[in-house]
PDB file of N, CA and C in Angstrom:
ATOM      1  N   MET A   1       6.962  15.939   2.546  1.00  0.00           N
ATOM      2  CA  MET A   1       6.422  16.243   1.341  1.00  0.00           C
ATOM      3  C   MET A   1       5.612  17.848   1.553  1.00  0.00           C
ATOM      4  N   ASN A   2       5.195  19.122   0.576  1.00  0.00           N
ATOM      5  CA  ASN A   2       4.602  20.394   0.736  1.00  0.00           C
ATOM      6  C   ASN A   2       3.396  19.902   0.264  1.00  0.00           C
ATOM      7  N   HIS A   3       2.734  21.604   0.637  1.00  0.00           N
ATOM      8  CA  HIS A   3       1.147  21.361   0.152  1.00  0.00           C
ATOM      9  C   HIS A   3       1.130  21.168  -0.994  1.00  0.00           C
ATOM     10  N   LYS A   4       1.849  21.924  -1.870  1.00  0.00           N
ATOM     11  CA  LYS A   4       2.003  21.902  -3.415  1.00  0.00           C
ATOM     12  C   LYS A   4       1.778  20.345  -3.993  1.00  0.00           C
ATOM     13  N   GLN A   5       2.978  19.517  -3.390  1.00  0.00           N
ATOM     14  CA  GLN A   5       3.608  18.315  -3.941  1.00  0.00           C
ATOM     15  C   GLN A   5       2.227  17.412  -3.611  1.00  0.00           C
ATOM     16  N   LYS A   6       1.578  17.470  -2.138  1.00  0.00           N
ATOM     17  CA  LYS A   6       0.242  16.871  -2.052  1.00  0.00           C
ATOM     18  C   LYS A   6      -0.969  17.122  -3.161  1.00  0.00           C
ATOM     19  N   HIS A   7      -0.844  18.051  -3.302  1.00  0.00           N
ATOM     20  CA  HIS A   7      -2.091  18.701  -4.403  1.00  0.00           C
ATOM     21  C   HIS A   7      -1.865  17.777  -5.577  1.00  0.00           C
ATOM     22  N   THR A   8      -0.388  17.856  -5.938  1.00  0.00           N
ATOM     23  CA  THR A   8      -0.623  17.322  -7.180  1.00  0.00           C
ATOM     24  C   THR A   8      -0.374  15.716  -7.205  1.00  0.00           C
ATOM     25  N   LEU A   9      -0.209  15.123  -6.248  1.00  0.00           N
ATOM     26  CA  LEU A   9      -0.299  13.521  -5.850  1.00  0.00           C
ATOM     27  C   LEU A   9      -2.010  13.668  -5.961  1.00  0.00           C
ATOM     28  N   GLU A  10      -2.791  14.506  -5.617  1.00  0.00           N
ATOM     29  CA  GLU A  10      -4.555  14.199  -5.228  1.00  0.00           C
ATOM     30  C   GLU A  10      -4.505  14.311  -6.873  1.00  0.00           C
ATOM     31  N   SER A  11      -4.306  15.087  -7.339  1.00  0.00           N
ATOM     32  CA  SER A  11      -4.568  15.537  -9.012  1.00  0.00           C
ATOM     33  C   SER A  11      -4.649  13.752  -9.694  1.00  0.00           C
ATOM     34  N   ILE A  12      -3.213  13.306  -9.568  1.00  0.00           N
ATOM     35  CA  ILE A  12      -2.784  12.330 -10.281  1.00  0.00           C
ATOM     36  C   ILE A  12      -3.636  11.130 -10.053  1.00  0.00           C
ATOM     37  N   LEU A  13      -4.162  11.130  -8.445  1.00  0.00           N
ATOM     38  CA  LEU A  13      -4.983   9.720  -8.096  1.00  0.00           C
ATOM     39  C   LEU A  13      -6.545  10.122  -8.211  1.00  0.00           C
ATOM     40  N   GLN A  14      -7.079  11.080  -8.788  1.00  0.00           N
ATOM     41  CA  GLN A  14      -8.136  11.271  -9.209  1.00  0.00           C
ATOM     42  C   GLN A  14      -8.593  10.219 -10.132  1.00  0.00           C
ATOM     43  N   LYS A  15     -10.158  10.126  -9.973  1.00  0.00           N
ATOM     44  CA  LYS A  15     -10.794   9.170 -10.703  1.00  0.00           C
ATOM     45  C   LYS A  15     -10.653   9.792 -12.205  1.00  0.00           C
ATOM     46  N   GLN A  16     -11.139  10.954 -12.153  1.00  0.00           N
ATOM     47  CA  GLN A  16     -10.873  11.815 -13.580  1.00  0.00           C
ATOM     48  C   GLN A  16      -9.697  12.067 -14.236  1.00  0.00           C
ATOM     49  N   VAL A  17      -8.958  11.817 -14.899  1.00  0.00           N
ATOM     50  CA  VAL A  17      -7.818  11.982 -15.438  1.00  0.00           C
ATOM     51  C   VAL A  17      -7.754  13.510 -15.554  1.00  0.00           C
ATOM     52  N   SER A  18      -6.842  14.199 -15.247  1.00  0.00           N
ATOM     53  CA  SER A  18      -6.522  16.114 -15.370  1.00  0.00           C
ATOM     54  C   SER A  18      -5.752  16.220 -16.512  1.00  0.00           C
ATOM     55  N   GLY A  19      -6.216  16.836 -17.117  1.00  0.00           N
ATOM     56  CA  GLY A  19      -5.424  17.570 -18.225  1.00  0.00           C
ATOM     57  C   GLY A  19      -4.391  18.858 -18.368  1.00  0.00           C
ATOM     58  N   ASN A  20      -4.591  19.088 -16.647  1.00  0.00           N
ATOM     59  CA  ASN A  20      -3.796  20.286 -16.171  1.00  0.00           C
ATOM     60  C   ASN A  20      -2.978  19.967 -15.548  1.00  0.00           C
ATOM     61  N   ILE A  21      -1.977  18.739 -15.113  1.00  0.00           N
ATOM     62  CA  ILE A  21      -0.888  18.728 -14.338  1.00  0.00           C
ATOM     63  C   ILE A  21       0.424  18.781 -14.885  1.00  0.00           C
ATOM     64  N   HIS A  22       1.186  19.826 -14.442  1.00  0.00           N
ATOM     65  CA  HIS A  22       2.408  20.365 -15.050  1.00  0.00           C
ATOM     66  C   HIS A  22       3.777  19.296 -14.548  1.00  0.00           C
ATOM     67  N   TRP A  23       4.438  19.273 -15.702  1.00  0.00           N
ATOM     68  CA  TRP A  23       6.206  18.360 -15.785  1.00  0.00           C
ATOM     69  C   TRP A  23       6.525  19.017 -14.405  1.00  0.00           C
ATOM     70  N   ARG A  24       7.094  20.173 -14.172  1.00  0.00           N
ATOM     71  CA  ARG A  24       7.493  20.538 -13.240  1.00  0.00           C
ATOM     72  C   ARG A  24       7.275  20.341 -11.501  1.00  0.00           C
ATOM     73  N   ASP A  25       5.793  20.423 -11.509  1.00  0.00           N
ATOM     74  CA  ASP A  25       5.581  19.962 -10.267  1.00  0.00           C
ATOM     75  C   ASP A  25       5.580  18.281 -10.159  1.00  0.00           C
ATOM     76  N   VAL A  26       5.127  17.372 -11.107  1.00  0.00           N
ATOM     77  CA  VAL A  26       5.456  16.165 -11.005  1.00  0.00           C
ATOM     78  C   VAL A  26       6.718  15.895 -10.459  1.00  0.00           C
ATOM     79  N   GLU A  27       8.019  16.455 -11.199  1.00  0.00           N
ATOM     80  CA  GLU A  27       9.121  16.531 -11.114  1.00  0.00           C
ATOM     81  C   GLU A  27       9.483  16.558  -9.601  1.00  0.00           C
ATOM     82  N   SER A  28       9.099  17.332  -9.121  1.00  0.00           N
ATOM     83  CA  SER A  28       8.997  17.746  -7.769  1.00  0.00           C
ATOM     84  C   SER A  28       8.790  17.076  -6.605  1.00  0.00           C
ATOM     85  N   LEU A  29       7.555  16.194  -7.011  1.00  0.00           N
ATOM     86  CA  LEU A  29       6.987  15.366  -5.848  1.00  0.00           C
ATOM     87  C   LEU A  29       7.505  14.127  -6.231  1.00  0.00           C
ATOM     88  N   LEU A  30       8.103  13.825  -7.600  1.00  0.00           N
ATOM     89  CA  LEU A  30       8.985  12.649  -7.166  1.00  0.00           C
ATOM     90  C   LEU A  30      10.195  12.789  -6.893  1.00  0.00           C
ATOM     91  N   GLU A  31      10.708  13.929  -6.792  1.00  0.00           N
ATOM     92  CA  GLU A  31      12.048  14.204  -6.124  1.00  0.00           C
ATOM     93  C   GLU A  31      11.538  14.405  -4.572  1.00  0.00           C
ATOM     94  N   ALA A  32      10.736  14.892  -3.941  1.00  0.00           N
ATOM     95  CA  ALA A  32      10.387  14.964  -2.622  1.00  0.00           C
ATOM     96  C   ALA A  32      10.201  13.382  -1.937  1.00  0.00           C
ATOM     97  N   LEU A  33       9.845  12.566  -3.116  1.00  0.00           N
ATOM     98  CA  LEU A  33       9.529  11.302  -2.706  1.00  0.00           C
ATOM     99  C   LEU A  33      10.729  10.328  -2.497  1.00  0.00           C
ATOM    100  N   GLY A  34      12.167  10.738  -3.173  1.00  0.00           N
ATOM    101  CA  GLY A  34      13.033  10.260  -3.237  1.00  0.00           C
ATOM    102  C   GLY A  34      13.117   9.197  -4.338  1.00  0.00           C
ATOM    103  N   ALA A  35      12.590   9.485  -5.582  1.00  0.00           N
ATOM    104  CA  ALA A  35      12.543   8.571  -6.917  1.00  0.00           C
ATOM    105  C   ALA A  35      13.867   9.079  -7.632  1.00  0.00           C
ATOM    106  N   GLU A  36      14.611   8.175  -8.319  1.00  0.00           N
ATOM    107  CA  GLU A  36      15.558   8.479  -9.016  1.00  0.00           C
ATOM    108  C   GLU A  36      14.961   8.470 -10.276  1.00  0.00           C
ATOM    109  N   LEU A  37      15.513   9.893 -10.640  1.00  0.00           N
ATOM    110  CA  LEU A  37      14.966  10.410 -12.373  1.00  0.00           C
ATOM    111  C   LEU A  37      16.272  10.159 -13.363  1.00  0.00           C
ATOM    112  N   GLN A  38      15.906   9.564 -14.498  1.00  0.00           N
ATOM    113  CA  GLN A  38      17.153   9.610 -15.601  1.00  0.00           C
ATOM    114  C   GLN A  38      16.505   9.791 -16.689  1.00  0.00           C
ATOM    115  N   THR A  39      16.952  10.419 -17.624  1.00  0.00           N
ATOM    116  CA  THR A  39      16.689  10.930 -19.237  1.00  0.00           C
ATOM    117  C   THR A  39      16.853   9.297 -19.791  1.00  0.00           C
ATOM    118  N   THR A  40      16.304   9.219 -20.439  1.00  0.00           N
ATOM    119  CA  THR A  40      16.491   7.349 -20.868  1.00  0.00           C
ATOM    120  C   THR A  40      16.478   8.077 -22.587  1.00  0.00           C
ATOM    121  N   HIS A  41      15.682   7.832 -24.077  1.00  0.00           N
ATOM    122  CA  HIS A  41      15.639   8.259 -25.127  1.00  0.00           C
ATOM    123  C   HIS A  41      14.566   9.576 -25.038  1.00  0.00           C
ATOM    124  N   GLY A  42      15.604  10.503 -26.007  1.00  0.00           N
ATOM    125  CA  GLY A  42      14.883  11.743 -26.393  1.00  0.00           C
ATOM    126  C   GLY A  42      13.915  12.247 -24.802  1.00  0.00           C
ATOM    127  N   ALA A  43      12.854  12.653 -24.974  1.00  0.00           N
ATOM    128  CA  ALA A  43      12.129  13.098 -23.524  1.00  0.00           C
ATOM    129  C   ALA A  43      11.277  12.142 -22.816  1.00  0.00           C
ATOM    130  N   ARG A  44      11.959  10.942 -23.181  1.00  0.00           N
ATOM    131  CA  ARG A  44      11.195   9.846 -22.081  1.00  0.00           C
ATOM    132  C   ARG A  44      12.159  10.053 -20.616  1.00  0.00           C
ATOM    133  N   MET A  45      11.360   9.910 -19.757  1.00  0.00           N
ATOM    134  CA  MET A  45      11.860   9.966 -18.403  1.00  0.00           C
ATOM    135  C   MET A  45      11.561   8.399 -17.765  1.00  0.00           C
ATOM    136  N   THR A  46      12.366   8.174 -16.869  1.00  0.00           N
ATOM    137  CA  THR A  46      12.536   7.022 -16.194  1.00  0.00           C
ATOM    138  C   THR A  46      12.440   7.571 -14.317  1.00  0.00           C
ATOM    139  N   TYR A  47      11.698   6.838 -13.876  1.00  0.00           N
ATOM    140  CA  TYR A  47      11.697   6.959 -12.523  1.00  0.00           C
ATOM    141  C   TYR A  47      11.676   6.072 -11.864  1.00  0.00           C
ATOM    142  N   VAL A  48      12.368   5.637 -11.032  1.00  0.00           N
ATOM    143  CA  VAL A  48      12.467   4.331  -9.989  1.00  0.00           C
ATOM    144  C   VAL A  48      12.162   4.684  -8.265  1.00  0.00           C
ATOM    145  N   LEU A  49      11.445   4.333  -7.592  1.00  0.00           N
ATOM    146  CA  LEU A  49      11.259   4.250  -6.430  1.00  0.00           C
ATOM    147  C   LEU A  49      10.785   3.288  -5.584  1.00  0.00           C
ATOM    148  N   ASN A  50      11.172   2.887  -4.479  1.00  0.00           N
ATOM    149  CA  ASN A  50      11.222   1.632  -4.005  1.00  0.00           C
ATOM    150  C   ASN A  50      11.179   0.262  -4.903  1.00  0.00           C
ATOM    151  N   GLY A  51      12.058   0.008  -6.031  1.00  0.00           N
ATOM    152  CA  GLY A  51      12.128  -0.830  -6.514  1.00  0.00           C
ATOM    153  C   GLY A  51      11.089  -0.994  -8.172  1.00  0.00           C
ATOM    154  N   VAL A  52      10.167   0.281  -7.811  1.00  0.00           N
ATOM    155  CA  VAL A  52       9.191   0.181  -9.033  1.00  0.00           C
ATOM    156  C   VAL A  52       9.410   1.153  -9.909  1.00  0.00           C
ATOM    157  N   THR A  53       9.544   0.970 -11.495  1.00  0.00           N
ATOM    158  CA  THR A  53       9.843   1.787 -12.269  1.00  0.00           C
ATOM    159  C   THR A  53       8.422   2.154 -13.019  1.00  0.00           C
ATOM    160  N   GLY A  54       8.750   3.424 -13.197  1.00  0.00           N
ATOM    161  CA  GLY A  54       8.068   3.965 -14.187  1.00  0.00           C
ATOM    162  C   GLY A  54       8.198   4.879 -15.239  1.00  0.00           C
ATOM    163  N   THR A  55       7.897   5.250 -16.063  1.00  0.00           N
ATOM    164  CA  THR A  55       8.071   6.088 -17.357  1.00  0.00           C
ATOM    165  C   THR A  55       7.088   7.320 -17.843  1.00  0.00           C
ATOM    166  N   VAL A  56       7.512   8.718 -18.274  1.00  0.00           N
ATOM    167  CA  VAL A  56       6.950   9.402 -18.720  1.00  0.00           C
ATOM    168  C   VAL A  56       7.395  10.194 -19.729  1.00  0.00           C
ATOM    169  N   HIS A  57       6.570  10.878 -20.642  1.00  0.00           N
ATOM    170  CA  HIS A  57       7.177  11.885 -21.475  1.00  0.00           C
ATOM    171  C   HIS A  57       7.098  12.845 -21.290  1.00  0.00           C
ATOM    172  N   LYS A  58       8.219  13.447 -21.300  1.00  0.00           N
ATOM    173  CA  LYS A  58       8.607  15.153 -20.518  1.00  0.00           C
ATOM    174  C   LYS A  58       8.076  16.006 -21.858  1.00  0.00           C
ATOM    175  N   PRO A  59       6.763  16.757 -21.591  1.00  0.00           N
ATOM    176  CA  PRO A  59       6.385  17.680 -22.692  1.00  0.00           C
ATOM    177  C   PRO A  59       7.371  18.549 -23.428  1.00  0.00           C
ATOM    178  N   HIS A  60       7.137  18.541 -24.704  1.00  0.00           N
ATOM    179  CA  HIS A  60       7.984  19.981 -25.637  1.00  0.00           C
ATOM    180  C   HIS A  60       7.651  20.930 -25.826  1.00  0.00           C
ATOM    181  N   HIS A  61       6.251  21.291 -26.196  1.00  0.00           N
ATOM    182  CA  HIS A  61       5.466  22.294 -26.591  1.00  0.00           C
ATOM    183  C   HIS A  61       5.083  23.147 -25.660  1.00  0.00           C
ATOM    184  N   SER A  62       4.512  22.375 -24.114  1.00  0.00           N
ATOM    185  CA  SER A  62       3.895  22.734 -23.315  1.00  0.00           C
ATOM    186  C   SER A  62       4.367  22.077 -22.032  1.00  0.00           C
ATOM    187  N   SER A  63       3.821  23.108 -20.867  1.00  0.00           N
ATOM    188  CA  SER A  63       4.770  22.282 -19.737  1.00  0.00           C
ATOM    189  C   SER A  63       3.486  20.931 -18.892  1.00  0.00           C
ATOM    190  N   VAL A  64       2.602  21.025 -19.780  1.00  0.00           N
ATOM    191  CA  VAL A  64       1.322  20.114 -18.979  1.00  0.00           C
ATOM    192  C   VAL A  64       1.382  18.390 -19.584  1.00  0.00           C
ATOM    193  N   LEU A  65       1.089  17.688 -18.698  1.00  0.00           N
ATOM    194  CA  LEU A  65       1.546  16.087 -18.942  1.00  0.00           C
ATOM    195  C   LEU A  65       0.123  16.017 -20.341  1.00  0.00           C
ATOM    196  N   SER A  66       0.585  14.860 -20.930  1.00  0.00           N
ATOM    197  CA  SER A  66      -0.482  14.190 -21.246  1.00  0.00           C
ATOM    198  C   SER A  66      -1.351  13.361 -20.647  1.00  0.00           C
ATOM    199  N   LYS A  67      -2.566  13.039 -20.481  1.00  0.00           N
ATOM    200  CA  LYS A  67      -3.576  12.447 -20.090  1.00  0.00           C
ATOM    201  C   LYS A  67      -2.679  11.096 -19.694  1.00  0.00           C
ATOM    202  N   GLN A  68      -2.479  10.390 -21.240  1.00  0.00           N
ATOM    203  CA  GLN A  68      -1.544   9.333 -20.734  1.00  0.00           C
ATOM    204  C   GLN A  68      -0.677   9.068 -19.788  1.00  0.00           C
ATOM    205  N   ASP A  69       0.144  10.142 -19.992  1.00  0.00           N
ATOM    206  CA  ASP A  69       1.103  10.192 -18.564  1.00  0.00           C
ATOM    207  C   ASP A  69       0.921  10.287 -17.568  1.00  0.00           C
ATOM    208  N   VAL A  70      -0.462  11.097 -17.365  1.00  0.00           N
ATOM    209  CA  VAL A  70      -1.092  11.105 -16.012  1.00  0.00           C
ATOM    210  C   VAL A  70      -1.733   9.613 -15.228  1.00  0.00           C
ATOM    211  N   ARG A  71      -2.006   9.070 -16.565  1.00  0.00           N
ATOM    212  CA  ARG A  71      -2.557   7.423 -16.115  1.00  0.00           C
ATOM    213  C   ARG A  71      -1.514   6.818 -15.903  1.00  0.00           C
ATOM    214  N   HIS A  72      -0.218   6.683 -16.465  1.00  0.00           N
ATOM    215  CA  HIS A  72       0.983   6.058 -16.097  1.00  0.00           C
ATOM    216  C   HIS A  72       1.400   6.086 -14.827  1.00  0.00           C
ATOM    217  N   LEU A  73       1.542   7.570 -14.457  1.00  0.00           N
ATOM    218  CA  LEU A  73       1.867   7.958 -12.969  1.00  0.00           C
ATOM    219  C   LEU A  73       0.825   7.248 -12.052  1.00  0.00           C
ATOM    220  N   ARG A  74      -0.330   7.570 -12.012  1.00  0.00           N
ATOM    221  CA  ARG A  74      -1.298   6.556 -11.319  1.00  0.00           C
ATOM    222  C   ARG A  74      -1.244   5.540 -11.107  1.00  0.00           C
ATOM    223  N   ASP A  75      -0.695   4.358 -12.204  1.00  0.00           N
ATOM    224  CA  ASP A  75      -0.530   3.197 -12.317  1.00  0.00           C
ATOM    225  C   ASP A  75       0.917   3.260 -11.472  1.00  0.00           C
ATOM    226  N   PHE A  76       1.527   3.800 -11.624  1.00  0.00           N
ATOM    227  CA  PHE A  76       3.022   3.573 -10.753  1.00  0.00           C
ATOM    228  C   PHE A  76       2.483   3.754  -9.336  1.00  0.00           C
ATOM    229  N   PHE A  77       1.819   5.004  -9.030  1.00  0.00           N
ATOM    230  CA  PHE A  77       1.271   5.179  -7.816  1.00  0.00           C
ATOM    231  C   PHE A  77       0.604   3.906  -6.715  1.00  0.00           C
ATOM    232  N   HIS A  78      -0.162   3.584  -7.889  1.00  0.00           N
ATOM    233  CA  HIS A  78      -0.833   2.320  -7.033  1.00  0.00           C
ATOM    234  C   HIS A  78       0.064   1.010  -7.166  1.00  0.00           C
ATOM    235  N   ASN A  79       0.988   1.072  -7.896  1.00  0.00           N
ATOM    236  CA  ASN A  79       1.993  -0.361  -7.895  1.00  0.00           C
ATOM    237  C   ASN A  79       2.620  -0.356  -6.442  1.00  0.00           C
ATOM    238  N   LEU A  80       3.127   1.193  -6.288  1.00  0.00           N
ATOM    239  CA  LEU A  80       3.461   1.414  -4.460  1.00  0.00           C
ATOM    240  C   LEU A  80       2.642   1.291  -3.643  1.00  0.00           C
ATOM    241  N   GLY A  81       1.444   1.309  -3.763  1.00  0.00           N
ATOM    242  CA  GLY A  81       0.637   1.135  -2.820  1.00  0.00           C
ATOM    243  C   GLY A  81       0.053   2.063  -2.448  1.00  0.00           C
ATOM    244  N   VAL A  82       0.234   3.053  -2.877  1.00  0.00           N
ATOM    245  CA  VAL A  82       0.073   4.718  -2.771  1.00  0.00           C
ATOM    246  C   VAL A  82      -1.665   4.720  -2.868  1.00  0.00           C
ATOM    247  N   THR A  83      -2.596   5.506  -2.162  1.00  0.00           N
ATOM    248  CA  THR A  83      -3.829   5.516  -2.562  1.00  0.00           C
ATOM    249  C   THR A  83      -4.290   7.062  -1.861  1.00  0.00           C
ATOM    250  N   GLY A  84      -3.671   7.756  -1.256  1.00  0.00           N
ATOM    251  CA  GLY A  84      -3.552   9.072  -0.979  1.00  0.00           C
ATOM    252  C   GLY A  84      -2.163   9.907  -0.556  1.00  0.00           C
ATOM    253  N   PRO A  85      -2.387  11.152  -0.401  1.00  0.00           N
ATOM    254  CA  PRO A  85      -0.853  12.122   0.283  1.00  0.00           C
ATOM    255  C   PRO A  85      -1.382  11.527   1.840  1.00  0.00           C
TER     256      PRO A  85
END
């Protein structure tokens, strides 16, 4: 995992939900961790890592994830036992 991916992970795991996390950074982080990414319905993306599945909505009009999707990612990482980079 490179520095930018570590920073993205830190941003996701912060107590205060960030409204400035870009989809391409999350996608890069998930790929670096070895997650399988699949497009399901519309812009809904499903990712699987170590048997844990999560979903996120790929932004249409902006490259920034919604705060709700950041919360989903945080829960996903907590379910994996990740507390920090």
